[in-house]
Amino acid sequence: MQIDALEWDDGNLLHLALGHGIEAEEAEEVFAVAPLFRRTKRGHYAVFGRSRAGRLLVLVFEMKGGRRARVITGWDMSVAERRYYQRHRTG
């Protein structure tokens, strides 16, 4: 999957920071370093990855025009999600 930019606004920045303790920089790191993508049941996408600090995160996003992704929500990986990530990652 090719993503050229992430789309941020006050809504998704606040939701991630206040609701899940994830800063925009951490989210961008997940997309930048060996991301593992998966389609969700609701038609969005999920990206599994590691921040530079080593935090394992899952981010749900939607694709916008021009290869832009808008992050909807995110969380720290569960044990099952960590196993999935370890089993399927390439980097």
PDB file of N, CA and C in Angstrom:
ATOM      1  N   MET A   1       0.849  -1.174   0.000  1.00  0.00           N
ATOM      2  CA  MET A   1       0.000   0.000   0.000  1.00  0.00           C
ATOM      3  C   MET A   1       0.893   1.235   0.000  1.00  0.00           C
ATOM      4  N   GLN A   2       0.602   2.171  -0.870  1.00  0.00           N
ATOM      5  CA  GLN A   2       1.396   3.393  -0.978  1.00  0.00           C
ATOM      6  C   GLN A   2       0.652   4.551  -0.326  1.00  0.00           C
ATOM      7  N   ILE A   3       1.267   5.144   0.694  1.00  0.00           N
ATOM      8  CA  ILE A   3       0.700   6.317   1.371  1.00  0.00           C
ATOM      9  C   ILE A   3       1.751   7.413   1.325  1.00  0.00           C
ATOM     10  N   ASP A   4       1.355   8.553   0.763  1.00  0.00           N
ATOM     11  CA  ASP A   4       2.294   9.666   0.633  1.00  0.00           C
ATOM     12  C   ASP A   4       2.196  10.671   1.771  1.00  0.00           C
ATOM     13  N   ALA A   5       1.023  10.751   2.416  1.00  0.00           N
ATOM     14  CA  ALA A   5       0.841  11.750   3.478  1.00  0.00           C
ATOM     15  C   ALA A   5      -0.263  11.308   4.431  1.00  0.00           C
ATOM     16  N   LEU A   6      -0.181  11.792   5.649  1.00  0.00           N
ATOM     17  CA  LEU A   6      -1.239  11.580   6.629  1.00  0.00           C
ATOM     18  C   LEU A   6      -2.006  12.877   6.793  1.00  0.00           C
ATOM     19  N   GLU A   7      -3.322  12.758   6.895  1.00  0.00           N
ATOM     20  CA  GLU A   7      -4.185  13.919   7.044  1.00  0.00           C
ATOM     21  C   GLU A   7      -4.573  14.058   8.518  1.00  0.00           C
ATOM     22  N   TRP A   8      -4.243  15.221   9.095  1.00  0.00           N
ATOM     23  CA  TRP A   8      -4.541  15.484  10.501  1.00  0.00           C
ATOM     24  C   TRP A   8      -5.461  16.683  10.627  1.00  0.00           C
ATOM     25  N   ASP A   9      -6.325  16.632  11.620  1.00  0.00           N
ATOM     26  CA  ASP A   9      -7.113  17.793  12.012  1.00  0.00           C
ATOM     27  C   ASP A   9      -7.264  17.737  13.531  1.00  0.00           C
ATOM     28  N   ASP A  10      -7.858  18.770  14.112  1.00  0.00           N
ATOM     29  CA  ASP A  10      -7.980  18.808  15.567  1.00  0.00           C
ATOM     30  C   ASP A  10      -8.735  17.601  16.116  1.00  0.00           C
ATOM     31  N   GLY A  11      -9.723  17.128  15.378  1.00  0.00           N
ATOM     32  CA  GLY A  11     -10.533  16.009  15.841  1.00  0.00           C
ATOM     33  C   GLY A  11      -9.746  14.725  16.012  1.00  0.00           C
ATOM     34  N   ASN A  12      -9.034  14.309  14.959  1.00  0.00           N
ATOM     35  CA  ASN A  12      -8.318  13.043  15.094  1.00  0.00           C
ATOM     36  C   ASN A  12      -7.070  13.187  15.961  1.00  0.00           C
ATOM     37  N   LEU A  13      -6.446  14.344  15.987  1.00  0.00           N
ATOM     38  CA  LEU A  13      -5.293  14.559  16.879  1.00  0.00           C
ATOM     39  C   LEU A  13      -5.708  14.455  18.348  1.00  0.00           C
ATOM     40  N   LEU A  14      -6.812  15.112  18.700  1.00  0.00           N
ATOM     41  CA  LEU A  14      -7.289  15.065  20.086  1.00  0.00           C
ATOM     42  C   LEU A  14      -7.767  13.672  20.467  1.00  0.00           C
ATOM     43  N   HIS A  15      -8.483  13.019  19.585  1.00  0.00           N
ATOM     44  CA  HIS A  15      -8.979  11.672  19.876  1.00  0.00           C
ATOM     45  C   HIS A  15      -7.825  10.724  20.169  1.00  0.00           C
ATOM     46  N   LEU A  16      -6.803  10.745  19.339  1.00  0.00           N
ATOM     47  CA  LEU A  16      -5.659   9.859  19.560  1.00  0.00           C
ATOM     48  C   LEU A  16      -4.914  10.204  20.848  1.00  0.00           C
ATOM     49  N   ALA A  17      -4.651  11.495  21.052  1.00  0.00           N
ATOM     50  CA  ALA A  17      -3.863  11.913  22.215  1.00  0.00           C
ATOM     51  C   ALA A  17      -4.623  11.710  23.523  1.00  0.00           C
ATOM     52  N   LEU A  18      -5.840  12.210  23.596  1.00  0.00           N
ATOM     53  CA  LEU A  18      -6.589  12.145  24.851  1.00  0.00           C
ATOM     54  C   LEU A  18      -7.237  10.784  25.080  1.00  0.00           C
ATOM     55  N   GLY A  19      -7.728  10.188  24.033  1.00  0.00           N
ATOM     56  CA  GLY A  19      -8.420   8.910  24.171  1.00  0.00           C
ATOM     57  C   GLY A  19      -7.512   7.705  24.254  1.00  0.00           C
ATOM     58  N   HIS A  20      -6.331   7.799  23.617  1.00  0.00           N
ATOM     59  CA  HIS A  20      -5.484   6.617  23.514  1.00  0.00           C
ATOM     60  C   HIS A  20      -4.014   6.876  23.850  1.00  0.00           C
ATOM     61  N   GLY A  21      -3.665   8.113  24.165  1.00  0.00           N
ATOM     62  CA  GLY A  21      -2.287   8.416  24.532  1.00  0.00           C
ATOM     63  C   GLY A  21      -1.298   8.279  23.398  1.00  0.00           C
ATOM     64  N   ILE A  22      -1.766   8.457  22.168  1.00  0.00           N
ATOM     65  CA  ILE A  22      -0.901   8.326  20.985  1.00  0.00           C
ATOM     66  C   ILE A  22      -0.707   9.702  20.369  1.00  0.00           C
ATOM     67  N   GLU A  23       0.532  10.106  20.224  1.00  0.00           N
ATOM     68  CA  GLU A  23       0.850  11.390  19.588  1.00  0.00           C
ATOM     69  C   GLU A  23       0.972  11.194  18.077  1.00  0.00           C
ATOM     70  N   ALA A  24       0.746  12.257  17.333  1.00  0.00           N
ATOM     71  CA  ALA A  24       0.817  12.196  15.868  1.00  0.00           C
ATOM     72  C   ALA A  24       2.171  11.677  15.395  1.00  0.00           C
ATOM     73  N   GLU A  25       3.236  12.079  16.071  1.00  0.00           N
ATOM     74  CA  GLU A  25       4.577  11.638  15.671  1.00  0.00           C
ATOM     75  C   GLU A  25       4.708  10.124  15.769  1.00  0.00           C
ATOM     76  N   GLU A  26       4.153   9.535  16.838  1.00  0.00           N
ATOM     77  CA  GLU A  26       4.197   8.076  16.986  1.00  0.00           C
ATOM     78  C   GLU A  26       3.422   7.399  15.858  1.00  0.00           C
ATOM     79  N   ALA A  27       2.259   7.930  15.544  1.00  0.00           N
ATOM     80  CA  ALA A  27       1.448   7.363  14.470  1.00  0.00           C
ATOM     81  C   ALA A  27       2.208   7.422  13.143  1.00  0.00           C
ATOM     82  N   GLU A  28       2.847   8.534  12.870  1.00  0.00           N
ATOM     83  CA  GLU A  28       3.604   8.673  11.630  1.00  0.00           C
ATOM     84  C   GLU A  28       4.761   7.687  11.571  1.00  0.00           C
ATOM     85  N   GLU A  29       5.373   7.410  12.717  1.00  0.00           N
ATOM     86  CA  GLU A  29       6.469   6.435  12.757  1.00  0.00           C
ATOM     87  C   GLU A  29       5.973   5.037  12.399  1.00  0.00           C
ATOM     88  N   VAL A  30       4.775   4.682  12.827  1.00  0.00           N
ATOM     89  CA  VAL A  30       4.210   3.370  12.509  1.00  0.00           C
ATOM     90  C   VAL A  30       4.056   3.210  10.997  1.00  0.00           C
ATOM     91  N   PHE A  31       3.609   4.254  10.320  1.00  0.00           N
ATOM     92  CA  PHE A  31       3.460   4.209   8.867  1.00  0.00           C
ATOM     93  C   PHE A  31       4.814   4.193   8.156  1.00  0.00           C
ATOM     94  N   ALA A  32       5.837   4.770   8.769  1.00  0.00           N
ATOM     95  CA  ALA A  32       7.124   4.970   8.091  1.00  0.00           C
ATOM     96  C   ALA A  32       8.051   3.760   8.152  1.00  0.00           C
ATOM     97  N   VAL A  33       7.956   2.965   9.208  1.00  0.00           N
ATOM     98  CA  VAL A  33       8.941   1.897   9.411  1.00  0.00           C
ATOM     99  C   VAL A  33       8.260   0.529   9.371  1.00  0.00           C
ATOM    100  N   ALA A  34       8.398  -0.178   8.263  1.00  0.00           N
ATOM    101  CA  ALA A  34       7.911  -1.553   8.076  1.00  0.00           C
ATOM    102  C   ALA A  34       6.470  -1.765   8.544  1.00  0.00           C
ATOM    103  N   PRO A  35       5.516  -1.000   8.024  1.00  0.00           N
ATOM    104  CA  PRO A  35       4.127  -1.184   8.439  1.00  0.00           C
ATOM    105  C   PRO A  35       3.526  -2.465   7.873  1.00  0.00           C
ATOM    106  N   LEU A  36       2.598  -3.035   8.619  1.00  0.00           N
ATOM    107  CA  LEU A  36       1.842  -4.202   8.179  1.00  0.00           C
ATOM    108  C   LEU A  36       0.388  -3.757   8.038  1.00  0.00           C
ATOM    109  N   PHE A  37      -0.146  -3.818   6.821  1.00  0.00           N
ATOM    110  CA  PHE A  37      -1.490  -3.331   6.543  1.00  0.00           C
ATOM    111  C   PHE A  37      -2.481  -4.484   6.453  1.00  0.00           C
ATOM    112  N   ARG A  38      -3.716  -4.194   6.864  1.00  0.00           N
ATOM    113  CA  ARG A  38      -4.797  -5.175   6.775  1.00  0.00           C
ATOM    114  C   ARG A  38      -6.116  -4.427   6.581  1.00  0.00           C
ATOM    115  N   ARG A  39      -6.992  -4.954   5.777  1.00  0.00           N
ATOM    116  CA  ARG A  39      -8.318  -4.374   5.559  1.00  0.00           C
ATOM    117  C   ARG A  39      -9.211  -4.754   6.745  1.00  0.00           C
ATOM    118  N   THR A  40     -10.048  -3.826   7.210  1.00  0.00           N
ATOM    119  CA  THR A  40     -10.947  -4.120   8.320  1.00  0.00           C
ATOM    120  C   THR A  40     -12.307  -4.578   7.795  1.00  0.00           C
ATOM    121  N   LYS A  41     -13.109  -5.126   8.680  1.00  0.00           N
ATOM    122  CA  LYS A  41     -14.440  -5.595   8.295  1.00  0.00           C
ATOM    123  C   LYS A  41     -15.351  -4.445   7.868  1.00  0.00           C
ATOM    124  N   ARG A  42     -15.078  -3.249   8.354  1.00  0.00           N
ATOM    125  CA  ARG A  42     -15.918  -2.086   8.027  1.00  0.00           C
ATOM    126  C   ARG A  42     -15.420  -1.325   6.794  1.00  0.00           C
ATOM    127  N   GLY A  43     -14.422  -1.855   6.114  1.00  0.00           N
ATOM    128  CA  GLY A  43     -13.954  -1.224   4.888  1.00  0.00           C
ATOM    129  C   GLY A  43     -12.842  -0.210   5.058  1.00  0.00           C
ATOM    130  N   HIS A  44     -12.371  -0.028   6.285  1.00  0.00           N
ATOM    131  CA  HIS A  44     -11.215   0.833   6.514  1.00  0.00           C
ATOM    132  C   HIS A  44      -9.962  -0.028   6.431  1.00  0.00           C
ATOM    133  N   TYR A  45      -8.857   0.517   6.872  1.00  0.00           N
ATOM    134  CA  TYR A  45      -7.605  -0.217   6.917  1.00  0.00           C
ATOM    135  C   TYR A  45      -7.031  -0.118   8.319  1.00  0.00           C
ATOM    136  N   ALA A  46      -6.235  -1.124   8.673  1.00  0.00           N
ATOM    137  CA  ALA A  46      -5.492  -1.092   9.926  1.00  0.00           C
ATOM    138  C   ALA A  46      -4.020  -1.223   9.577  1.00  0.00           C
ATOM    139  N   VAL A  47      -3.197  -0.505  10.307  1.00  0.00           N
ATOM    140  CA  VAL A  47      -1.757  -0.637  10.164  1.00  0.00           C
ATOM    141  C   VAL A  47      -1.203  -1.055  11.523  1.00  0.00           C
ATOM    142  N   PHE A  48      -0.369  -2.076  11.500  1.00  0.00           N
ATOM    143  CA  PHE A  48       0.293  -2.579  12.693  1.00  0.00           C
ATOM    144  C   PHE A  48       1.751  -2.179  12.584  1.00  0.00           C
ATOM    145  N   GLY A  49       2.318  -1.695  13.673  1.00  0.00           N
ATOM    146  CA  GLY A  49       3.725  -1.319  13.605  1.00  0.00           C
ATOM    147  C   GLY A  49       4.276  -0.848  14.922  1.00  0.00           C
ATOM    148  N   ARG A  50       5.529  -0.471  14.868  1.00  0.00           N
ATOM    149  CA  ARG A  50       6.296  -0.089  16.047  1.00  0.00           C
ATOM    150  C   ARG A  50       6.732   1.356  15.918  1.00  0.00           C
ATOM    151  N   SER A  51       6.593   2.107  17.014  1.00  0.00           N
ATOM    152  CA  SER A  51       7.134   3.471  17.031  1.00  0.00           C
ATOM    153  C   SER A  51       8.637   3.378  17.255  1.00  0.00           C
ATOM    154  N   ARG A  52       9.330   4.477  17.079  1.00  0.00           N
ATOM    155  CA  ARG A  52      10.787   4.470  17.300  1.00  0.00           C
ATOM    156  C   ARG A  52      11.145   4.134  18.748  1.00  0.00           C
ATOM    157  N   ALA A  53      10.231   4.454  19.660  1.00  0.00           N
ATOM    158  CA  ALA A  53      10.453   4.149  21.075  1.00  0.00           C
ATOM    159  C   ALA A  53      10.132   2.688  21.398  1.00  0.00           C
ATOM    160  N   GLY A  54       9.632   1.934  20.402  1.00  0.00           N
ATOM    161  CA  GLY A  54       9.347   0.519  20.598  1.00  0.00           C
ATOM    162  C   GLY A  54       7.907   0.208  20.953  1.00  0.00           C
ATOM    163  N   ARG A  55       7.056   1.202  20.972  1.00  0.00           N
ATOM    164  CA  ARG A  55       5.647   0.996  21.294  1.00  0.00           C
ATOM    165  C   ARG A  55       4.950   0.306  20.119  1.00  0.00           C
ATOM    166  N   LEU A  56       4.259  -0.794  20.385  1.00  0.00           N
ATOM    167  CA  LEU A  56       3.547  -1.542  19.356  1.00  0.00           C
ATOM    168  C   LEU A  56       2.118  -1.023  19.273  1.00  0.00           C
ATOM    169  N   LEU A  57       1.760  -0.492  18.097  1.00  0.00           N
ATOM    170  CA  LEU A  57       0.477   0.175  17.922  1.00  0.00           C
ATOM    171  C   LEU A  57      -0.306  -0.395  16.753  1.00  0.00           C
ATOM    172  N   VAL A  58      -1.630  -0.276  16.849  1.00  0.00           N
ATOM    173  CA  VAL A  58      -2.544  -0.526  15.744  1.00  0.00           C
ATOM    174  C   VAL A  58      -3.264   0.785  15.489  1.00  0.00           C
ATOM    175  N   LEU A  59      -3.289   1.211  14.236  1.00  0.00           N
ATOM    176  CA  LEU A  59      -3.995   2.430  13.852  1.00  0.00           C
ATOM    177  C   LEU A  59      -5.003   2.079  12.773  1.00  0.00           C
ATOM    178  N   VAL A  60      -6.225   2.555  12.933  1.00  0.00           N
ATOM    179  CA  VAL A  60      -7.267   2.372  11.916  1.00  0.00           C
ATOM    180  C   VAL A  60      -7.351   3.677  11.143  1.00  0.00           C
ATOM    181  N   PHE A  61      -7.395   3.556   9.808  1.00  0.00           N
ATOM    182  CA  PHE A  61      -7.411   4.753   8.972  1.00  0.00           C
ATOM    183  C   PHE A  61      -8.260   4.525   7.740  1.00  0.00           C
ATOM    184  N   GLU A  62      -8.592   5.636   7.081  1.00  0.00           N
ATOM    185  CA  GLU A  62      -9.290   5.578   5.803  1.00  0.00           C
ATOM    186  C   GLU A  62      -8.425   6.260   4.759  1.00  0.00           C
ATOM    187  N   MET A  63      -8.546   5.774   3.544  1.00  0.00           N
ATOM    188  CA  MET A  63      -7.799   6.380   2.452  1.00  0.00           C
ATOM    189  C   MET A  63      -8.601   7.538   1.881  1.00  0.00           C
ATOM    190  N   LYS A  64      -7.912   8.634   1.637  1.00  0.00           N
ATOM    191  CA  LYS A  64      -8.486   9.810   1.000  1.00  0.00           C
ATOM    192  C   LYS A  64      -7.870   9.906  -0.394  1.00  0.00           C
ATOM    193  N   GLY A  65      -8.286  10.870  -1.167  1.00  0.00           N
ATOM    194  CA  GLY A  65      -7.726  11.037  -2.503  1.00  0.00           C
ATOM    195  C   GLY A  65      -6.241  11.349  -2.470  1.00  0.00           C
ATOM    196  N   GLY A  66      -5.552  10.975  -3.513  1.00  0.00           N
ATOM    197  CA  GLY A  66      -4.138  11.315  -3.647  1.00  0.00           C
ATOM    198  C   GLY A  66      -3.217  10.589  -2.691  1.00  0.00           C
ATOM    199  N   ARG A  67      -3.536   9.340  -2.342  1.00  0.00           N
ATOM    200  CA  ARG A  67      -2.700   8.522  -1.463  1.00  0.00           C
ATOM    201  C   ARG A  67      -2.512   9.116  -0.073  1.00  0.00           C
ATOM    202  N   ARG A  68      -3.538   9.811   0.403  1.00  0.00           N
ATOM    203  CA  ARG A  68      -3.515  10.371   1.759  1.00  0.00           C
ATOM    204  C   ARG A  68      -4.322   9.465   2.678  1.00  0.00           C
ATOM    205  N   ALA A  69      -3.822   9.276   3.881  1.00  0.00           N
ATOM    206  CA  ALA A  69      -4.516   8.475   4.888  1.00  0.00           C
ATOM    207  C   ALA A  69      -4.929   9.373   6.044  1.00  0.00           C
ATOM    208  N   ARG A  70      -6.155   9.154   6.541  1.00  0.00           N
ATOM    209  CA  ARG A  70      -6.645   9.890   7.707  1.00  0.00           C
ATOM    210  C   ARG A  70      -6.842   8.885   8.827  1.00  0.00           C
ATOM    211  N   VAL A  71      -6.060   9.030   9.892  1.00  0.00           N
ATOM    212  CA  VAL A  71      -6.151   8.129  11.034  1.00  0.00           C
ATOM    213  C   VAL A  71      -7.457   8.402  11.770  1.00  0.00           C
ATOM    214  N   ILE A  72      -8.189   7.332  12.066  1.00  0.00           N
ATOM    215  CA  ILE A  72      -9.471   7.426  12.760  1.00  0.00           C
ATOM    216  C   ILE A  72      -9.299   7.152  14.248  1.00  0.00           C
ATOM    217  N   THR A  73      -8.578   6.090  14.560  1.00  0.00           N
ATOM    218  CA  THR A  73      -8.357   5.709  15.953  1.00  0.00           C
ATOM    219  C   THR A  73      -7.125   4.825  16.054  1.00  0.00           C
ATOM    220  N   GLY A  74      -6.743   4.489  17.249  1.00  0.00           N
ATOM    221  CA  GLY A  74      -5.585   3.639  17.454  1.00  0.00           C
ATOM    222  C   GLY A  74      -5.506   3.155  18.880  1.00  0.00           C
ATOM    223  N   TRP A  75      -4.650   2.163  19.108  1.00  0.00           N
ATOM    224  CA  TRP A  75      -4.477   1.601  20.444  1.00  0.00           C
ATOM    225  C   TRP A  75      -3.176   0.813  20.502  1.00  0.00           C
ATOM    226  N   ASP A  76      -2.778   0.478  21.717  1.00  0.00           N
ATOM    227  CA  ASP A  76      -1.632  -0.410  21.922  1.00  0.00           C
ATOM    228  C   ASP A  76      -2.065  -1.829  21.562  1.00  0.00           C
ATOM    229  N   MET A  77      -1.188  -2.566  20.887  1.00  0.00           N
ATOM    230  CA  MET A  77      -1.520  -3.922  20.458  1.00  0.00           C
ATOM    231  C   MET A  77      -1.833  -4.814  21.652  1.00  0.00           C
ATOM    232  N   SER A  78      -2.847  -5.646  21.466  1.00  0.00           N
ATOM    233  CA  SER A  78      -3.151  -6.700  22.442  1.00  0.00           C
ATOM    234  C   SER A  78      -2.145  -7.837  22.245  1.00  0.00           C
ATOM    235  N   VAL A  79      -2.195  -8.816  23.115  1.00  0.00           N
ATOM    236  CA  VAL A  79      -1.307  -9.977  22.989  1.00  0.00           C
ATOM    237  C   VAL A  79      -1.550 -10.681  21.648  1.00  0.00           C
ATOM    238  N   ALA A  80      -2.809 -10.879  21.290  1.00  0.00           N
ATOM    239  CA  ALA A  80      -3.137 -11.548  20.021  1.00  0.00           C
ATOM    240  C   ALA A  80      -2.667 -10.718  18.831  1.00  0.00           C
ATOM    241  N   GLU A  81      -2.816  -9.408  18.902  1.00  0.00           N
ATOM    242  CA  GLU A  81      -2.369  -8.537  17.815  1.00  0.00           C
ATOM    243  C   GLU A  81      -0.847  -8.557  17.699  1.00  0.00           C
ATOM    244  N   ARG A  82      -0.148  -8.644  18.813  1.00  0.00           N
ATOM    245  CA  ARG A  82       1.321  -8.756  18.775  1.00  0.00           C
ATOM    246  C   ARG A  82       1.743 -10.038  18.075  1.00  0.00           C
ATOM    247  N   ARG A  83       1.066 -11.137  18.391  1.00  0.00           N
ATOM    248  CA  ARG A  83       1.378 -12.414  17.733  1.00  0.00           C
ATOM    249  C   ARG A  83       1.142 -12.307  16.226  1.00  0.00           C
ATOM    250  N   TYR A  84       0.019 -11.714  15.833  1.00  0.00           N
ATOM    251  CA  TYR A  84      -0.294 -11.525  14.413  1.00  0.00           C
ATOM    252  C   TYR A  84       0.802 -10.695  13.739  1.00  0.00           C
ATOM    253  N   TYR A  85       1.178  -9.604  14.362  1.00  0.00           N
ATOM    254  CA  TYR A  85       2.209  -8.709  13.821  1.00  0.00           C
ATOM    255  C   TYR A  85       3.548  -9.450  13.678  1.00  0.00           C
ATOM    256  N   GLN A  86       3.950 -10.157  14.720  1.00  0.00           N
ATOM    257  CA  GLN A  86       5.222 -10.884  14.675  1.00  0.00           C
ATOM    258  C   GLN A  86       5.212 -11.963  13.579  1.00  0.00           C
ATOM    259  N   ARG A  87       4.085 -12.614  13.394  1.00  0.00           N
ATOM    260  CA  ARG A  87       3.970 -13.683  12.420  1.00  0.00           C
ATOM    261  C   ARG A  87       3.969 -13.169  10.978  1.00  0.00           C
ATOM    262  N   HIS A  88       3.423 -11.974  10.745  1.00  0.00           N
ATOM    263  CA  HIS A  88       3.228 -11.496   9.373  1.00  0.00           C
ATOM    264  C   HIS A  88       4.140 -10.366   8.921  1.00  0.00           C
ATOM    265  N   ARG A  89       4.872  -9.765   9.811  1.00  0.00           N
ATOM    266  CA  ARG A  89       5.704  -8.619   9.404  1.00  0.00           C
ATOM    267  C   ARG A  89       6.871  -9.090   8.555  1.00  0.00           C
ATOM    268  N   THR A  90       7.322  -8.175   7.698  1.00  0.00           N
ATOM    269  CA  THR A  90       8.427  -8.521   6.798  1.00  0.00           C
ATOM    270  C   THR A  90       9.704  -7.807   7.186  1.00  0.00           C
ATOM    271  N   GLY A  91       9.617  -6.746   7.983  1.00  0.00           N
ATOM    272  CA  GLY A  91      10.804  -5.967   8.297  1.00  0.00           C
ATOM    273  C   GLY A  91      11.341  -6.147   9.657  1.00  0.00           C
TER     274      GLY A  91
END
